[in-house]
Amino acid sequence: MSYTKKREYVAGAFFLIVGLGYLYLTSGIPRKQFIDAAFVPYVLAFTMCLLGVLQLRAAYKLPVSEQAGEKDTADYRTVWKTLGLIVAYAAFLEPVGFPVMTVVYLFLQFIVLTPRDKKISYPMYGVIAVMTSAIVYLTFRQAFDMMLPVGLMSGLIE
C-alpha cells in the first residue's frame, strides 16, 4: 500500500474516531427541544463522522501504487500559517471583538490559501470578509439573541 493511501486511511479513521467521541460526549447534553444547546454539537458530530466515512471511502478508491520514493506534496508552511492565524484569532477575539477579528482572520486566511500561481484579489477578499463577518454577527445577534464579543466596537454596537 502506498504512503499516500495509508495517510488517507489514517486521516479518515482519525475523523471518524473523533466524530464518534464527540457524538458520545454530546449525548450527555440534556435535550429540551429540537433546536437547543445540543443541536449544533450533534450536527458537528454527525458531520465529522460523515467526513471520516467519506475520507475512508475515498482512500479505498485510490489506486494502489507501490512506487518507491513517492513524493510528499503536502504544503506544511500553509498548515503552520493557518494554525498561527487560528491561535491569533482566538487570542485576540475577546479584546478586539468578533466583527474586527473575523474580518482580519478571513482576509489573511484567504491570502494564505490562495495558490501561488493565482493572483491575490485583495478587494474581493476584503468584501467577502466584511460581508461574512457582518452576516454571522447579525445572525447571532438578531436570530439567536446571542452576543458575540464586540471588543473595540463596544461604543458602536449596543
N, C-alpha and C. Protein backbone atom coordinates (compact mmCIF):
# COMPACT_ATOMS: atom_id res chain seq x y z
N MET A 1 0.86 -1.18 0.00
CA MET A 1 0.00 0.00 0.00
C MET A 1 0.90 1.24 0.00
N SER A 2 0.53 2.21 -0.80
CA SER A 2 1.35 3.41 -0.93
C SER A 2 1.24 4.30 0.31
N TYR A 3 2.23 5.15 0.46
CA TYR A 3 2.25 6.09 1.59
C TYR A 3 1.03 6.99 1.57
N THR A 4 0.65 7.47 0.38
CA THR A 4 -0.50 8.36 0.25
C THR A 4 -1.77 7.66 0.68
N LYS A 5 -1.95 6.43 0.25
CA LYS A 5 -3.16 5.69 0.60
C LYS A 5 -3.22 5.44 2.11
N LYS A 6 -2.10 5.09 2.71
CA LYS A 6 -2.07 4.88 4.16
C LYS A 6 -2.42 6.18 4.90
N ARG A 7 -1.87 7.28 4.42
CA ARG A 7 -2.12 8.58 5.05
C ARG A 7 -3.60 8.95 4.95
N GLU A 8 -4.22 8.65 3.83
CA GLU A 8 -5.65 8.94 3.65
C GLU A 8 -6.50 8.07 4.57
N TYR A 9 -6.13 6.81 4.74
CA TYR A 9 -6.84 5.93 5.68
C TYR A 9 -6.72 6.44 7.11
N VAL A 10 -5.52 6.85 7.48
CA VAL A 10 -5.30 7.36 8.84
C VAL A 10 -6.14 8.62 9.08
N ALA A 11 -6.17 9.52 8.10
CA ALA A 11 -6.96 10.75 8.25
C ALA A 11 -8.45 10.42 8.39
N GLY A 12 -8.94 9.50 7.57
CA GLY A 12 -10.35 9.12 7.65
C GLY A 12 -10.69 8.47 8.97
N ALA A 13 -9.83 7.56 9.42
CA ALA A 13 -10.07 6.89 10.70
C ALA A 13 -10.02 7.90 11.86
N PHE A 14 -9.10 8.83 11.77
CA PHE A 14 -8.99 9.86 12.82
C PHE A 14 -10.28 10.68 12.91
N PHE A 15 -10.78 11.17 11.77
CA PHE A 15 -12.00 11.97 11.78
C PHE A 15 -13.20 11.16 12.27
N LEU A 16 -13.27 9.90 11.88
CA LEU A 16 -14.37 9.06 12.32
C LEU A 16 -14.31 8.82 13.83
N ILE A 17 -13.13 8.53 14.35
CA ILE A 17 -12.97 8.28 15.79
C ILE A 17 -13.27 9.56 16.59
N VAL A 18 -12.74 10.70 16.15
CA VAL A 18 -13.02 11.96 16.84
C VAL A 18 -14.51 12.29 16.77
N GLY A 19 -15.12 12.07 15.62
CA GLY A 19 -16.54 12.32 15.47
C GLY A 19 -17.38 11.45 16.38
N LEU A 20 -17.03 10.17 16.48
CA LEU A 20 -17.76 9.28 17.37
C LEU A 20 -17.56 9.67 18.83
N GLY A 21 -16.34 10.07 19.19
CA GLY A 21 -16.09 10.54 20.56
C GLY A 21 -16.88 11.79 20.88
N TYR A 22 -16.91 12.71 19.93
CA TYR A 22 -17.66 13.96 20.11
C TYR A 22 -19.16 13.66 20.20
N LEU A 23 -19.63 12.70 19.41
CA LEU A 23 -21.03 12.30 19.46
C LEU A 23 -21.36 11.70 20.83
N TYR A 24 -20.46 10.89 21.34
CA TYR A 24 -20.66 10.29 22.67
C TYR A 24 -20.74 11.38 23.75
N LEU A 25 -19.81 12.34 23.69
CA LEU A 25 -19.81 13.43 24.67
C LEU A 25 -21.06 14.30 24.53
N THR A 26 -21.50 14.52 23.30
CA THR A 26 -22.68 15.33 23.05
C THR A 26 -23.95 14.66 23.58
N SER A 27 -23.96 13.34 23.59
CA SER A 27 -25.15 12.63 24.06
C SER A 27 -25.42 12.90 25.54
N GLY A 28 -24.44 13.41 26.26
CA GLY A 28 -24.63 13.74 27.67
C GLY A 28 -25.30 15.09 27.91
N ILE A 29 -25.46 15.88 26.86
CA ILE A 29 -26.11 17.19 26.99
C ILE A 29 -27.62 16.97 27.04
N PRO A 30 -28.28 17.49 28.08
CA PRO A 30 -29.73 17.29 28.18
C PRO A 30 -30.47 17.99 27.04
N ARG A 31 -31.48 17.32 26.49
CA ARG A 31 -32.27 17.85 25.39
C ARG A 31 -33.59 18.40 25.94
N LYS A 32 -33.99 19.58 25.44
CA LYS A 32 -35.26 20.18 25.84
C LYS A 32 -36.21 20.28 24.66
N GLN A 33 -35.67 20.52 23.48
CA GLN A 33 -36.46 20.62 22.26
C GLN A 33 -35.55 20.30 21.08
N PHE A 34 -36.09 20.39 19.86
CA PHE A 34 -35.29 20.02 18.69
C PHE A 34 -34.08 20.92 18.53
N ILE A 35 -34.27 22.24 18.57
CA ILE A 35 -33.15 23.17 18.48
C ILE A 35 -32.90 23.74 19.87
N ASP A 36 -31.82 23.27 20.48
CA ASP A 36 -31.44 23.71 21.82
C ASP A 36 -29.92 23.71 21.90
N ALA A 37 -29.39 23.67 23.10
CA ALA A 37 -27.93 23.76 23.29
C ALA A 37 -27.19 22.56 22.68
N ALA A 38 -27.86 21.44 22.49
CA ALA A 38 -27.20 20.25 21.95
C ALA A 38 -27.31 20.15 20.43
N PHE A 39 -28.08 21.00 19.80
CA PHE A 39 -28.33 20.88 18.36
C PHE A 39 -27.04 21.01 17.54
N VAL A 40 -26.31 22.09 17.74
CA VAL A 40 -25.08 22.31 16.95
C VAL A 40 -24.02 21.25 17.26
N PRO A 41 -23.80 20.87 18.52
CA PRO A 41 -22.84 19.78 18.75
C PRO A 41 -23.22 18.47 18.03
N TYR A 42 -24.53 18.16 18.00
CA TYR A 42 -24.95 16.96 17.27
C TYR A 42 -24.67 17.10 15.77
N VAL A 43 -24.96 18.27 15.22
CA VAL A 43 -24.69 18.50 13.79
C VAL A 43 -23.20 18.35 13.51
N LEU A 44 -22.38 18.94 14.36
CA LEU A 44 -20.93 18.85 14.17
C LEU A 44 -20.43 17.42 14.30
N ALA A 45 -20.95 16.68 15.27
CA ALA A 45 -20.52 15.29 15.47
C ALA A 45 -20.90 14.43 14.27
N PHE A 46 -22.15 14.55 13.81
CA PHE A 46 -22.58 13.77 12.65
C PHE A 46 -21.79 14.17 11.41
N THR A 47 -21.52 15.45 11.26
CA THR A 47 -20.74 15.91 10.10
C THR A 47 -19.33 15.34 10.14
N MET A 48 -18.70 15.34 11.31
CA MET A 48 -17.35 14.80 11.43
C MET A 48 -17.34 13.31 11.13
N CYS A 49 -18.34 12.58 11.61
CA CYS A 49 -18.43 11.15 11.30
C CYS A 49 -18.62 10.92 9.80
N LEU A 50 -19.49 11.71 9.19
CA LEU A 50 -19.72 11.60 7.75
C LEU A 50 -18.43 11.87 6.97
N LEU A 51 -17.70 12.92 7.37
CA LEU A 51 -16.43 13.24 6.69
C LEU A 51 -15.43 12.10 6.85
N GLY A 52 -15.38 11.49 8.03
CA GLY A 52 -14.49 10.36 8.24
C GLY A 52 -14.82 9.20 7.33
N VAL A 53 -16.12 8.87 7.23
CA VAL A 53 -16.55 7.77 6.36
C VAL A 53 -16.24 8.10 4.90
N LEU A 54 -16.53 9.33 4.48
CA LEU A 54 -16.24 9.72 3.10
C LEU A 54 -14.74 9.67 2.81
N GLN A 55 -13.92 10.07 3.78
CA GLN A 55 -12.47 10.02 3.60
C GLN A 55 -11.99 8.57 3.48
N LEU A 56 -12.53 7.68 4.30
CA LEU A 56 -12.16 6.27 4.21
C LEU A 56 -12.58 5.68 2.86
N ARG A 57 -13.75 6.08 2.38
CA ARG A 57 -14.23 5.61 1.08
C ARG A 57 -13.33 6.12 -0.05
N ALA A 58 -12.93 7.38 0.04
CA ALA A 58 -12.03 7.94 -0.98
C ALA A 58 -10.67 7.25 -0.94
N ALA A 59 -10.19 6.93 0.26
CA ALA A 59 -8.90 6.25 0.37
C ALA A 59 -8.99 4.84 -0.23
N TYR A 60 -10.12 4.19 -0.02
CA TYR A 60 -10.31 2.84 -0.57
C TYR A 60 -10.28 2.87 -2.10
N LYS A 61 -10.82 3.94 -2.69
CA LYS A 61 -10.90 4.05 -4.15
C LYS A 61 -9.58 4.49 -4.79
N LEU A 62 -8.62 4.94 -3.98
CA LEU A 62 -7.34 5.37 -4.55
C LEU A 62 -6.65 4.17 -5.21
N PRO A 63 -5.99 4.41 -6.34
CA PRO A 63 -5.28 3.31 -6.98
C PRO A 63 -4.09 2.87 -6.12
N VAL A 64 -3.83 1.58 -6.16
CA VAL A 64 -2.70 1.03 -5.40
C VAL A 64 -1.45 1.25 -6.23
N SER A 65 -0.53 2.04 -5.68
CA SER A 65 0.74 2.25 -6.38
C SER A 65 1.86 2.08 -5.37
N GLU A 66 2.71 1.16 -5.66
CA GLU A 66 3.84 0.87 -4.79
C GLU A 66 5.11 1.49 -5.35
N GLN A 67 5.06 2.77 -5.67
CA GLN A 67 6.22 3.45 -6.22
C GLN A 67 7.18 3.79 -5.09
N ALA A 68 8.40 3.40 -5.25
CA ALA A 68 9.42 3.74 -4.27
C ALA A 68 9.74 5.22 -4.40
N GLY A 69 9.93 5.87 -3.30
CA GLY A 69 10.28 7.28 -3.32
C GLY A 69 9.12 8.18 -3.68
N GLU A 70 7.93 7.78 -3.35
CA GLU A 70 6.75 8.60 -3.63
C GLU A 70 6.90 9.94 -2.91
N LYS A 71 6.69 11.04 -3.63
CA LYS A 71 6.94 12.37 -3.09
C LYS A 71 5.75 12.87 -2.27
N ASP A 72 6.04 13.42 -1.09
CA ASP A 72 5.03 14.02 -0.24
C ASP A 72 4.81 15.45 -0.73
N THR A 73 3.60 15.76 -1.18
CA THR A 73 3.32 17.07 -1.76
C THR A 73 2.60 18.00 -0.79
N ALA A 74 2.55 17.64 0.49
CA ALA A 74 1.86 18.48 1.47
C ALA A 74 2.59 19.82 1.63
N ASP A 75 1.82 20.89 1.78
CA ASP A 75 2.37 22.22 1.97
C ASP A 75 2.30 22.56 3.46
N TYR A 76 3.35 22.20 4.18
CA TYR A 76 3.35 22.36 5.64
C TYR A 76 3.42 23.83 6.06
N ARG A 77 4.00 24.68 5.22
CA ARG A 77 4.06 26.11 5.56
C ARG A 77 2.64 26.68 5.65
N THR A 78 1.77 26.29 4.74
CA THR A 78 0.39 26.75 4.76
C THR A 78 -0.31 26.26 6.02
N VAL A 79 -0.06 25.03 6.40
CA VAL A 79 -0.67 24.47 7.62
C VAL A 79 -0.23 25.28 8.84
N TRP A 80 1.06 25.57 8.95
CA TRP A 80 1.57 26.32 10.09
C TRP A 80 1.04 27.76 10.10
N LYS A 81 0.93 28.37 8.93
CA LYS A 81 0.36 29.72 8.86
C LYS A 81 -1.10 29.70 9.30
N THR A 82 -1.84 28.70 8.87
CA THR A 82 -3.25 28.58 9.26
C THR A 82 -3.38 28.38 10.77
N LEU A 83 -2.56 27.50 11.33
CA LEU A 83 -2.60 27.30 12.79
C LEU A 83 -2.25 28.58 13.53
N GLY A 84 -1.27 29.32 13.03
CA GLY A 84 -0.92 30.59 13.65
C GLY A 84 -2.06 31.59 13.59
N LEU A 85 -2.74 31.64 12.46
CA LEU A 85 -3.89 32.55 12.34
C LEU A 85 -5.01 32.15 13.30
N ILE A 86 -5.25 30.86 13.45
CA ILE A 86 -6.30 30.40 14.37
C ILE A 86 -5.95 30.76 15.80
N VAL A 87 -4.70 30.56 16.19
CA VAL A 87 -4.26 30.91 17.56
C VAL A 87 -4.38 32.41 17.79
N ALA A 88 -3.96 33.21 16.83
CA ALA A 88 -4.06 34.67 16.96
C ALA A 88 -5.53 35.10 17.04
N TYR A 89 -6.37 34.49 16.23
CA TYR A 89 -7.81 34.81 16.24
C TYR A 89 -8.39 34.54 17.63
N ALA A 90 -8.09 33.37 18.17
CA ALA A 90 -8.61 33.01 19.49
C ALA A 90 -8.05 33.93 20.57
N ALA A 91 -6.78 34.30 20.46
CA ALA A 91 -6.16 35.13 21.49
C ALA A 91 -6.71 36.56 21.48
N PHE A 92 -7.01 37.10 20.32
CA PHE A 92 -7.46 38.49 20.23
C PHE A 92 -8.97 38.66 20.09
N LEU A 93 -9.72 37.56 20.07
CA LEU A 93 -11.16 37.63 19.87
C LEU A 93 -11.85 38.47 20.94
N GLU A 94 -11.54 38.24 22.18
CA GLU A 94 -12.21 38.96 23.28
C GLU A 94 -11.82 40.44 23.32
N PRO A 95 -10.52 40.79 23.32
CA PRO A 95 -10.18 42.21 23.42
C PRO A 95 -10.50 43.02 22.16
N VAL A 96 -10.32 42.45 20.99
CA VAL A 96 -10.54 43.18 19.75
C VAL A 96 -12.01 43.07 19.31
N GLY A 97 -12.61 41.92 19.51
CA GLY A 97 -14.01 41.73 19.17
C GLY A 97 -14.21 40.86 17.96
N PHE A 98 -15.36 40.21 17.92
CA PHE A 98 -15.68 39.29 16.84
C PHE A 98 -15.71 39.95 15.46
N PRO A 99 -16.41 41.08 15.31
CA PRO A 99 -16.50 41.65 13.95
C PRO A 99 -15.15 41.97 13.33
N VAL A 100 -14.30 42.64 14.08
CA VAL A 100 -12.99 43.06 13.53
C VAL A 100 -12.07 41.85 13.35
N MET A 101 -11.99 40.99 14.37
CA MET A 101 -11.08 39.84 14.28
C MET A 101 -11.50 38.88 13.18
N THR A 102 -12.79 38.73 12.97
CA THR A 102 -13.24 37.83 11.92
C THR A 102 -12.88 38.37 10.54
N VAL A 103 -13.02 39.67 10.35
CA VAL A 103 -12.62 40.28 9.08
C VAL A 103 -11.13 40.07 8.85
N VAL A 104 -10.33 40.36 9.87
CA VAL A 104 -8.87 40.23 9.75
C VAL A 104 -8.49 38.76 9.49
N TYR A 105 -9.07 37.86 10.29
CA TYR A 105 -8.75 36.44 10.13
C TYR A 105 -9.12 35.93 8.73
N LEU A 106 -10.35 36.19 8.30
CA LEU A 106 -10.78 35.69 7.00
C LEU A 106 -9.93 36.28 5.86
N PHE A 107 -9.66 37.58 5.92
CA PHE A 107 -8.85 38.23 4.89
C PHE A 107 -7.47 37.56 4.78
N LEU A 108 -6.81 37.39 5.93
CA LEU A 108 -5.48 36.78 5.93
C LEU A 108 -5.53 35.30 5.53
N GLN A 109 -6.58 34.59 5.97
CA GLN A 109 -6.70 33.18 5.62
C GLN A 109 -6.92 33.00 4.13
N PHE A 110 -7.70 33.89 3.52
CA PHE A 110 -7.88 33.84 2.07
C PHE A 110 -6.54 34.00 1.36
N ILE A 111 -5.72 34.92 1.85
CA ILE A 111 -4.40 35.15 1.24
C ILE A 111 -3.53 33.91 1.39
N VAL A 112 -3.52 33.32 2.60
CA VAL A 112 -2.70 32.13 2.85
C VAL A 112 -3.14 30.98 1.95
N LEU A 113 -4.44 30.83 1.72
CA LEU A 113 -4.95 29.69 0.96
C LEU A 113 -4.97 29.91 -0.55
N THR A 114 -4.64 31.11 -1.00
CA THR A 114 -4.58 31.35 -2.44
C THR A 114 -3.37 30.63 -3.02
N PRO A 115 -3.58 29.81 -4.05
CA PRO A 115 -2.44 29.11 -4.67
C PRO A 115 -1.41 30.11 -5.19
N ARG A 116 -0.16 29.69 -5.18
CA ARG A 116 0.94 30.57 -5.58
C ARG A 116 0.82 31.05 -7.03
N ASP A 117 0.22 30.23 -7.86
CA ASP A 117 0.12 30.60 -9.28
C ASP A 117 -1.09 31.48 -9.58
N LYS A 118 -1.89 31.81 -8.57
CA LYS A 118 -3.07 32.67 -8.76
C LYS A 118 -2.80 34.06 -8.19
N LYS A 119 -3.40 35.06 -8.81
CA LYS A 119 -3.26 36.44 -8.35
C LYS A 119 -4.16 36.65 -7.14
N ILE A 120 -3.64 37.30 -6.11
CA ILE A 120 -4.41 37.59 -4.91
C ILE A 120 -5.33 38.78 -5.20
N SER A 121 -6.62 38.59 -4.93
CA SER A 121 -7.60 39.64 -5.17
C SER A 121 -7.96 40.30 -3.84
N TYR A 122 -7.16 41.29 -3.45
CA TYR A 122 -7.36 41.95 -2.15
C TYR A 122 -8.74 42.58 -2.01
N PRO A 123 -9.24 43.32 -3.02
CA PRO A 123 -10.57 43.92 -2.86
C PRO A 123 -11.68 42.86 -2.67
N MET A 124 -11.63 41.80 -3.47
CA MET A 124 -12.65 40.75 -3.36
C MET A 124 -12.56 40.06 -1.99
N TYR A 125 -11.35 39.75 -1.54
CA TYR A 125 -11.18 39.11 -0.24
C TYR A 125 -11.69 40.01 0.88
N GLY A 126 -11.42 41.31 0.76
CA GLY A 126 -11.88 42.26 1.77
C GLY A 126 -13.40 42.33 1.83
N VAL A 127 -14.04 42.40 0.68
CA VAL A 127 -15.51 42.48 0.63
C VAL A 127 -16.12 41.20 1.21
N ILE A 128 -15.59 40.04 0.82
CA ILE A 128 -16.12 38.78 1.33
C ILE A 128 -15.93 38.69 2.84
N ALA A 129 -14.77 39.09 3.33
CA ALA A 129 -14.50 39.02 4.77
C ALA A 129 -15.44 39.93 5.56
N VAL A 130 -15.64 41.16 5.08
CA VAL A 130 -16.53 42.10 5.77
C VAL A 130 -17.97 41.60 5.74
N MET A 131 -18.44 41.16 4.59
CA MET A 131 -19.81 40.69 4.48
C MET A 131 -20.05 39.44 5.34
N THR A 132 -19.12 38.50 5.32
CA THR A 132 -19.27 37.29 6.12
C THR A 132 -19.31 37.61 7.60
N SER A 133 -18.39 38.46 8.06
CA SER A 133 -18.37 38.85 9.46
C SER A 133 -19.67 39.51 9.87
N ALA A 134 -20.16 40.43 9.05
CA ALA A 134 -21.40 41.14 9.37
C ALA A 134 -22.59 40.20 9.39
N ILE A 135 -22.69 39.31 8.42
CA ILE A 135 -23.82 38.38 8.36
C ILE A 135 -23.82 37.44 9.55
N VAL A 136 -22.65 36.89 9.89
CA VAL A 136 -22.57 35.97 11.03
C VAL A 136 -22.90 36.71 12.33
N TYR A 137 -22.32 37.91 12.50
CA TYR A 137 -22.58 38.67 13.73
C TYR A 137 -24.07 39.00 13.86
N LEU A 138 -24.66 39.51 12.79
CA LEU A 138 -26.07 39.89 12.84
C LEU A 138 -26.98 38.67 13.01
N THR A 139 -26.60 37.55 12.42
CA THR A 139 -27.38 36.33 12.60
C THR A 139 -27.39 35.91 14.07
N PHE A 140 -26.22 35.90 14.69
CA PHE A 140 -26.16 35.52 16.10
C PHE A 140 -26.89 36.53 16.98
N ARG A 141 -26.75 37.81 16.66
CA ARG A 141 -27.36 38.85 17.49
C ARG A 141 -28.88 38.91 17.31
N GLN A 142 -29.35 38.88 16.09
CA GLN A 142 -30.77 39.06 15.83
C GLN A 142 -31.55 37.74 15.86
N ALA A 143 -31.06 36.71 15.19
CA ALA A 143 -31.81 35.45 15.10
C ALA A 143 -31.70 34.61 16.36
N PHE A 144 -30.50 34.53 16.92
CA PHE A 144 -30.29 33.67 18.09
C PHE A 144 -30.28 34.45 19.41
N ASP A 145 -30.33 35.78 19.33
CA ASP A 145 -30.28 36.65 20.51
C ASP A 145 -29.07 36.33 21.39
N MET A 146 -27.92 36.16 20.75
CA MET A 146 -26.67 35.87 21.45
C MET A 146 -25.66 36.95 21.12
N MET A 147 -24.98 37.44 22.13
CA MET A 147 -23.95 38.46 21.91
C MET A 147 -22.59 37.80 21.71
N LEU A 148 -21.94 38.17 20.65
CA LEU A 148 -20.56 37.78 20.43
C LEU A 148 -19.69 38.91 20.94
N PRO A 149 -18.42 38.63 21.31
CA PRO A 149 -17.56 39.70 21.83
C PRO A 149 -17.44 40.85 20.83
N VAL A 150 -17.67 42.09 21.30
CA VAL A 150 -17.58 43.25 20.40
C VAL A 150 -16.27 44.00 20.58
N GLY A 151 -15.58 43.83 21.69
CA GLY A 151 -14.25 44.40 21.89
C GLY A 151 -14.17 45.88 21.63
N LEU A 152 -13.34 46.27 20.66
CA LEU A 152 -13.09 47.69 20.33
C LEU A 152 -14.33 48.42 19.88
N MET A 153 -15.31 47.70 19.39
CA MET A 153 -16.52 48.33 18.84
C MET A 153 -17.62 48.46 19.89
N SER A 154 -17.28 48.33 21.17
CA SER A 154 -18.30 48.32 22.22
C SER A 154 -19.09 49.64 22.27
N GLY A 155 -18.51 50.74 21.87
CA GLY A 155 -19.23 52.01 21.85
C GLY A 155 -20.17 52.15 20.66
N LEU A 156 -19.88 51.40 19.59
CA LEU A 156 -20.70 51.49 18.38
C LEU A 156 -21.85 50.48 18.36
N ILE A 157 -21.62 49.33 19.00
CA ILE A 157 -22.63 48.27 18.99
C ILE A 157 -23.25 48.17 20.37
N GLU A 158 -24.54 48.09 20.42
CA GLU A 158 -25.27 48.03 21.69
C GLU A 158 -24.81 46.91 22.57
